């Protein structure tokens, strides 16, 4: 999807002020509410905007330990293991990957003992051959998209 300068300004506002009303966004941007709503609808329809819910902190929810667990899967069992991972609440993301392993999961835990219990649960899943874990010490760059949006916006003006 082509994102123009107005789309970029809209996305920036959504990221910077997520709890603002459509009417207020339109006022800030100096566009008609209908124009803004049409743009939002189009970006949702085309998959640019994928959600509007709150961003939650696993640490504040009592799960301050973050680990990345690589999972090696028996040939032909990737889909089954992927479905089984969805049943583990401590797995907050899982991706099929290239390189060392077949899946990369982002796992949160209450403490290191809890993390070990989660990893043992993963190892016991049918189709899992082995796991390799890396514990995150400190977040250096939080999840962000605004720099990407701004970069796309600069490119669209050229």
Protein backbone atom coordinates (compact mmCIF):
# COMPACT_ATOMS: atom_id res chain seq x y z
CA UNK A 1 0.00 0.00 0.00
CA UNK A 2 1.25 3.49 -0.80
CA UNK A 3 1.37 5.70 2.28
CA UNK A 4 1.32 9.41 1.51
CA UNK A 5 2.20 12.39 3.67
CA UNK A 6 -1.29 12.67 5.22
CA UNK A 7 -1.30 8.96 6.05
CA UNK A 8 2.09 9.41 7.69
CA UNK A 9 0.80 12.32 9.78
CA UNK A 10 -2.23 10.25 10.80
CA UNK A 11 -0.08 7.27 11.79
CA UNK A 12 2.25 9.52 13.78
CA UNK A 13 -0.70 10.90 15.75
CA UNK A 14 -2.08 7.40 16.37
CA UNK A 15 1.29 6.34 17.78
CA UNK A 16 1.91 9.49 19.81
CA UNK A 17 -1.66 10.03 21.07
CA UNK A 18 -3.45 6.67 20.92
CA UNK A 19 -6.36 7.69 23.16
CA UNK A 20 -7.43 10.75 21.18
CA UNK A 21 -10.79 10.87 19.39
CA UNK A 22 -11.16 10.87 15.60
CA UNK A 23 -12.71 14.33 15.83
CA UNK A 24 -9.63 15.64 17.69
CA UNK A 25 -7.24 13.98 15.20
CA UNK A 26 -9.10 15.69 12.36
CA UNK A 27 -8.88 19.06 14.14
CA UNK A 28 -5.14 18.67 14.78
CA UNK A 29 -4.47 17.66 11.18
CA UNK A 30 -6.77 20.30 9.70
CA UNK A 31 -8.80 17.81 7.66
CA UNK A 32 -12.48 16.88 7.60
CA UNK A 33 -13.54 14.14 10.00
CA UNK A 34 -14.91 12.12 7.06
CA UNK A 35 -11.57 12.34 5.25
CA UNK A 36 -9.73 11.15 8.34
CA UNK A 37 -12.18 8.30 8.92
CA UNK A 38 -11.91 7.18 5.29
CA UNK A 39 -8.10 7.12 5.59
CA UNK A 40 -8.26 5.14 8.85
CA UNK A 41 -10.73 2.67 7.35
CA UNK A 42 -8.53 2.18 4.26
CA UNK A 43 -5.39 1.65 6.36
CA UNK A 44 -7.24 -0.89 8.53
CA UNK A 45 -8.65 -2.68 5.48
CA UNK A 46 -5.20 -2.86 3.86
CA UNK A 47 -3.52 -4.12 7.04
CA UNK A 48 -1.42 -1.06 7.87
CA UNK A 49 -3.31 -0.54 11.13
CA UNK A 50 -3.68 -3.91 12.83
CA UNK A 51 -4.95 -3.05 16.29
CA UNK A 52 -6.07 -0.33 18.63
CA UNK A 53 -5.86 -1.95 22.06
CA UNK A 54 -3.61 -0.95 24.94
CA UNK A 55 0.02 -1.99 25.10
CA UNK A 56 0.51 -4.02 28.28
CA UNK A 57 3.65 -4.55 30.35
CA UNK A 58 4.35 -8.20 31.23
CA UNK A 59 6.65 -6.97 34.02
CA UNK A 60 3.86 -4.92 35.58
CA UNK A 61 1.65 -8.02 35.31
CA UNK A 62 4.15 -9.94 37.45
CA UNK A 63 6.28 -11.45 34.65
CA UNK A 64 9.51 -9.39 34.59
CA UNK A 65 11.75 -12.11 33.09
CA UNK A 66 11.97 -12.05 29.29
CA UNK A 67 13.65 -14.80 27.30
CA UNK A 68 13.95 -15.69 23.65
CA UNK A 69 13.63 -19.43 23.19
CA UNK A 70 14.72 -21.06 19.94
CA UNK A 71 12.92 -24.32 19.26
CA UNK A 72 14.12 -27.06 16.94
CA UNK A 73 11.24 -29.14 15.57
CA UNK A 74 11.06 -32.63 14.11
CA UNK A 75 10.79 -32.47 10.32
CA UNK A 76 7.16 -32.10 9.24
CA UNK A 77 5.79 -31.07 12.65
CA UNK A 78 6.17 -27.30 12.48
CA UNK A 79 2.43 -26.56 12.24
CA UNK A 80 1.58 -28.92 15.12
CA UNK A 81 4.21 -27.41 17.39
CA UNK A 82 3.13 -23.90 16.39
CA UNK A 83 -0.45 -24.70 17.38
CA UNK A 84 0.71 -26.19 20.70
CA UNK A 85 2.69 -23.04 21.47
CA UNK A 86 -0.51 -21.00 21.28
CA UNK A 87 -1.74 -22.89 24.36
CA UNK A 88 1.21 -21.71 26.50
CA UNK A 89 0.20 -18.36 28.03
CA UNK A 90 3.77 -17.29 28.77
CA UNK A 91 4.59 -17.30 25.06
CA UNK A 92 3.75 -13.81 23.89
CA UNK A 93 5.09 -14.20 20.33
CA UNK A 94 6.31 -17.03 18.11
CA UNK A 95 7.85 -16.92 14.65
CA UNK A 96 9.04 -19.46 12.08
CA UNK A 97 12.65 -18.58 11.36
CA UNK A 98 15.65 -19.42 9.24
CA UNK A 99 19.02 -20.23 10.77
CA UNK A 100 19.54 -21.99 14.10
CA UNK A 101 16.23 -23.55 14.94
CA UNK A 102 12.79 -23.61 13.40
CA UNK A 103 10.85 -21.33 15.77
CA UNK A 104 11.73 -18.30 17.84
CA UNK A 105 9.50 -17.53 20.80
CA UNK A 106 9.35 -14.59 23.14
CA UNK A 107 8.62 -15.93 26.60
CA UNK A 108 7.81 -14.05 29.81
CA UNK A 109 8.06 -15.50 33.32
CA UNK A 110 7.68 -14.56 36.97
CA UNK A 111 11.27 -15.55 37.79
CA UNK A 112 14.04 -17.85 36.55
CA UNK A 113 12.45 -20.94 38.13
CA UNK A 114 9.19 -20.20 36.37
CA UNK A 115 11.11 -19.72 33.10
CA UNK A 116 12.68 -23.14 33.59
CA UNK A 117 9.21 -24.65 34.10
CA UNK A 118 7.97 -23.04 30.87
CA UNK A 119 11.01 -24.32 28.95
CA UNK A 120 10.45 -27.82 30.34
CA UNK A 121 6.84 -27.60 29.14
CA UNK A 122 8.11 -26.64 25.66
CA UNK A 123 10.62 -29.49 25.59
CA UNK A 124 7.85 -31.97 26.42
CA UNK A 125 5.69 -30.93 23.45
CA UNK A 126 5.40 -33.63 20.77
CA UNK A 127 7.65 -32.69 17.85
CA UNK A 128 10.10 -30.53 19.83
CA UNK A 129 13.67 -31.81 19.51
CA UNK A 130 15.51 -29.20 21.61
CA UNK A 131 15.43 -25.63 22.81
CA UNK A 132 18.03 -22.92 23.27
CA UNK A 133 17.28 -19.95 25.50
CA UNK A 134 18.62 -16.43 25.79
CA UNK A 135 17.51 -14.27 28.72
CA UNK A 136 17.13 -10.56 28.02
CA UNK A 137 18.97 -8.40 30.54
CA UNK A 138 17.68 -4.95 29.63
CA UNK A 139 15.59 -3.47 26.85
CA UNK A 140 17.77 -1.12 24.81
CA UNK A 141 15.30 -0.12 22.09
CA UNK A 142 11.64 -0.59 22.94
CA UNK A 143 9.24 -1.85 20.30
CA UNK A 144 8.63 1.13 18.06
CA UNK A 145 7.31 1.98 14.63
CA UNK A 146 7.35 5.78 14.57
CA UNK A 147 10.88 6.04 13.08
CA UNK A 148 9.81 3.65 10.30
CA UNK A 149 6.61 5.63 9.66
CA UNK A 150 8.60 8.87 9.52
CA UNK A 151 11.13 7.29 7.12
CA UNK A 152 8.32 6.11 4.84
CA UNK A 153 6.77 9.57 5.01
CA UNK A 154 10.05 11.20 3.94
CA UNK A 155 10.34 8.75 1.05
CA UNK A 156 6.79 9.48 -0.13
CA UNK A 157 7.56 13.21 -0.38
CA UNK A 158 10.43 12.66 -2.79
